[in-house]
Amino acid sequence: MVYAYIQEVPIDADLYKRIIDELGPEPLAGSLLHLCVRRPDGGLRYIDVWESEEACARAFDERIHPAVDAAFGGDRPEGEPTVQHLEIIHITGAMAVHGQ
């Protein structure tokens, strides 16, 4: 089942770029959409859609957390930013092929 969330992230665009560079060019397995936008306060907001919650968790364990750790120089803050889970009612477009 498709899994989606919004996450408010207290980092700037420079640190975000370092994380993306650490992830490398290979797509994250199970990721259908990742949108990063700047919030008015200067932080970032992620809007993510995944094939499943399990695919998302696997990507965090195998690729995302190691990339974040490297981008922070091994001194990543404890815990995760708050995640707001989204209840998907309908999905259309390219993602619909994978999801619902």
C-alpha atoms as a PDB file:
ATOM      1  CA  MET A   1       0.000   0.000   0.000  1.00  0.00           C
ATOM      2  CA  VAL A   2       1.302   3.461  -0.878  1.00  0.00           C
ATOM      3  CA  TYR A   3       2.823   5.345   2.053  1.00  0.00           C
ATOM      4  CA  ALA A   4       3.163   9.149   2.179  1.00  0.00           C
ATOM      5  CA  TYR A   5       4.265  11.763   4.682  1.00  0.00           C
ATOM      6  CA  ILE A   6       5.365  15.349   5.233  1.00  0.00           C
ATOM      7  CA  GLN A   7       8.425  16.054   7.365  1.00  0.00           C
ATOM      8  CA  GLU A   8       9.620  19.425   8.654  1.00  0.00           C
ATOM      9  CA  VAL A   9      13.423  19.347   8.636  1.00  0.00           C
ATOM     10  CA  PRO A  10      15.531  21.954  10.506  1.00  0.00           C
ATOM     11  CA  ILE A  11      18.369  22.068   7.971  1.00  0.00           C
ATOM     12  CA  ASP A  12      19.362  24.495   5.235  1.00  0.00           C
ATOM     13  CA  ALA A  13      19.755  23.938   1.493  1.00  0.00           C
ATOM     14  CA  ASP A  14      23.550  23.518   1.781  1.00  0.00           C
ATOM     15  CA  LEU A  15      23.265  20.606   4.209  1.00  0.00           C
ATOM     16  CA  TYR A  16      20.457  19.132   2.108  1.00  0.00           C
ATOM     17  CA  LYS A  17      22.751  19.199  -0.939  1.00  0.00           C
ATOM     18  CA  ARG A  18      25.463  17.377   1.026  1.00  0.00           C
ATOM     19  CA  ILE A  19      22.932  14.678   1.954  1.00  0.00           C
ATOM     20  CA  ILE A  20      21.832  14.324  -1.685  1.00  0.00           C
ATOM     21  CA  ASP A  21      25.471  14.127  -2.790  1.00  0.00           C
ATOM     22  CA  GLU A  22      26.088  11.363  -0.225  1.00  0.00           C
ATOM     23  CA  LEU A  23      23.053   9.430  -1.507  1.00  0.00           C
ATOM     24  CA  GLY A  24      24.516   9.417  -4.998  1.00  0.00           C
ATOM     25  CA  PRO A  25      22.685   9.151  -8.323  1.00  0.00           C
ATOM     26  CA  GLU A  26      21.102   5.705  -7.836  1.00  0.00           C
ATOM     27  CA  PRO A  27      17.342   6.020  -7.181  1.00  0.00           C
ATOM     28  CA  LEU A  28      16.045   4.904  -3.803  1.00  0.00           C
ATOM     29  CA  ALA A  29      14.210   1.602  -4.190  1.00  0.00           C
ATOM     30  CA  GLY A  30      10.506   2.105  -3.551  1.00  0.00           C
ATOM     31  CA  SER A  31      10.538   5.910  -3.691  1.00  0.00           C
ATOM     32  CA  LEU A  32       7.785   7.277  -5.922  1.00  0.00           C
ATOM     33  CA  LEU A  33       8.210  10.991  -5.142  1.00  0.00           C
ATOM     34  CA  HIS A  34      10.501  13.152  -3.027  1.00  0.00           C
ATOM     35  CA  LEU A  35       9.806  16.877  -3.009  1.00  0.00           C
ATOM     36  CA  CYS A  36      11.917  19.254  -0.938  1.00  0.00           C
ATOM     37  CA  VAL A  37      10.654  22.821  -0.481  1.00  0.00           C
ATOM     38  CA  ARG A  38      11.887  25.774   1.581  1.00  0.00           C
ATOM     39  CA  ARG A  39       9.680  26.811   4.497  1.00  0.00           C
ATOM     40  CA  PRO A  40       9.159  30.520   5.260  1.00  0.00           C
ATOM     41  CA  ASP A  41      11.355  30.162   8.383  1.00  0.00           C
ATOM     42  CA  GLY A  42      14.273  28.909   6.257  1.00  0.00           C
ATOM     43  CA  GLY A  43      14.001  25.225   7.169  1.00  0.00           C
ATOM     44  CA  LEU A  44      12.994  22.583   4.672  1.00  0.00           C
ATOM     45  CA  ARG A  45       9.879  20.464   4.198  1.00  0.00           C
ATOM     46  CA  TYR A  46       9.946  17.022   2.597  1.00  0.00           C
ATOM     47  CA  ILE A  47       6.914  15.526   0.928  1.00  0.00           C
ATOM     48  CA  ASP A  48       7.528  11.852   0.240  1.00  0.00           C
ATOM     49  CA  VAL A  49       5.535   9.090  -1.411  1.00  0.00           C
ATOM     50  CA  TRP A  50       6.720   5.471  -1.246  1.00  0.00           C
ATOM     51  CA  GLU A  51       5.486   2.172  -2.655  1.00  0.00           C
ATOM     52  CA  SER A  52       5.079   0.992   0.955  1.00  0.00           C
ATOM     53  CA  GLU A  53       6.031   1.857   4.506  1.00  0.00           C
ATOM     54  CA  GLU A  54       8.398  -1.126   4.462  1.00  0.00           C
ATOM     55  CA  ALA A  55      10.230   0.195   1.373  1.00  0.00           C
ATOM     56  CA  CYS A  56      10.601   3.566   3.108  1.00  0.00           C
ATOM     57  CA  ALA A  57      11.981   2.001   6.306  1.00  0.00           C
ATOM     58  CA  ARG A  58      14.435  -0.115   4.301  1.00  0.00           C
ATOM     59  CA  ALA A  59      15.675   2.952   2.382  1.00  0.00           C
ATOM     60  CA  PHE A  60      16.205   4.856   5.646  1.00  0.00           C
ATOM     61  CA  ASP A  61      18.148   1.963   7.174  1.00  0.00           C
ATOM     62  CA  GLU A  62      20.255   1.156   4.122  1.00  0.00           C
ATOM     63  CA  ARG A  63      20.825   4.505   2.407  1.00  0.00           C
ATOM     64  CA  ILE A  64      19.267   7.619   3.925  1.00  0.00           C
ATOM     65  CA  HIS A  65      20.551   7.447   7.517  1.00  0.00           C
ATOM     66  CA  PRO A  66      24.113   6.580   6.409  1.00  0.00           C
ATOM     67  CA  ALA A  67      24.035   9.536   3.970  1.00  0.00           C
ATOM     68  CA  VAL A  68      22.685  11.898   6.643  1.00  0.00           C
ATOM     69  CA  ASP A  69      25.319  10.697   9.123  1.00  0.00           C
ATOM     70  CA  ALA A  70      28.074  11.325   6.568  1.00  0.00           C
ATOM     71  CA  ALA A  71      26.702  14.772   5.657  1.00  0.00           C
ATOM     72  CA  PHE A  72      26.643  15.741   9.358  1.00  0.00           C
ATOM     73  CA  GLY A  73      30.201  14.483   9.728  1.00  0.00           C
ATOM     74  CA  GLY A  74      29.091  11.743  12.117  1.00  0.00           C
ATOM     75  CA  ASP A  75      27.490  14.246  14.522  1.00  0.00           C
ATOM     76  CA  ARG A  76      23.833  13.970  13.518  1.00  0.00           C
ATOM     77  CA  PRO A  77      21.315  15.210  16.110  1.00  0.00           C
ATOM     78  CA  GLU A  78      19.478  12.483  18.036  1.00  0.00           C
ATOM     79  CA  GLY A  79      16.047  11.400  16.857  1.00  0.00           C
ATOM     80  CA  GLU A  80      14.062  12.113  13.751  1.00  0.00           C
ATOM     81  CA  PRO A  81      12.143  15.259  12.855  1.00  0.00           C
ATOM     82  CA  THR A  82       8.398  14.879  13.320  1.00  0.00           C
ATOM     83  CA  VAL A  83       6.622  13.046  10.511  1.00  0.00           C
ATOM     84  CA  GLN A  84       3.036  13.841   9.558  1.00  0.00           C
ATOM     85  CA  HIS A  85       1.585  10.735   7.918  1.00  0.00           C
ATOM     86  CA  LEU A  86      -0.801  11.370   5.051  1.00  0.00           C
ATOM     87  CA  GLU A  87      -3.911   9.320   4.347  1.00  0.00           C
ATOM     88  CA  ILE A  88      -4.024   8.832   0.600  1.00  0.00           C
ATOM     89  CA  ILE A  89      -7.550   8.964  -0.798  1.00  0.00           C
ATOM     90  CA  HIS A  90      -6.642   8.983  -4.472  1.00  0.00           C
ATOM     91  CA  ILE A  91      -3.475   8.942  -6.541  1.00  0.00           C
ATOM     92  CA  THR A  92      -3.090   9.534 -10.253  1.00  0.00           C
ATOM     93  CA  GLY A  93      -0.272   9.977 -12.745  1.00  0.00           C
ATOM     94  CA  ALA A  94       2.933   7.970 -12.985  1.00  0.00           C
ATOM     95  CA  MET A  95       2.755   6.971  -9.304  1.00  0.00           C
ATOM     96  CA  ALA A  96      -0.628   5.308  -9.801  1.00  0.00           C
ATOM     97  CA  VAL A  97       1.050   2.531 -11.789  1.00  0.00           C
ATOM     98  CA  HIS A  98       3.020   1.510  -8.692  1.00  0.00           C
ATOM     99  CA  GLY A  99       0.500   2.262  -5.992  1.00  0.00           C
ATOM    100  CA  GLN A 100      -3.233   2.053  -5.873  1.00  0.00           C
END
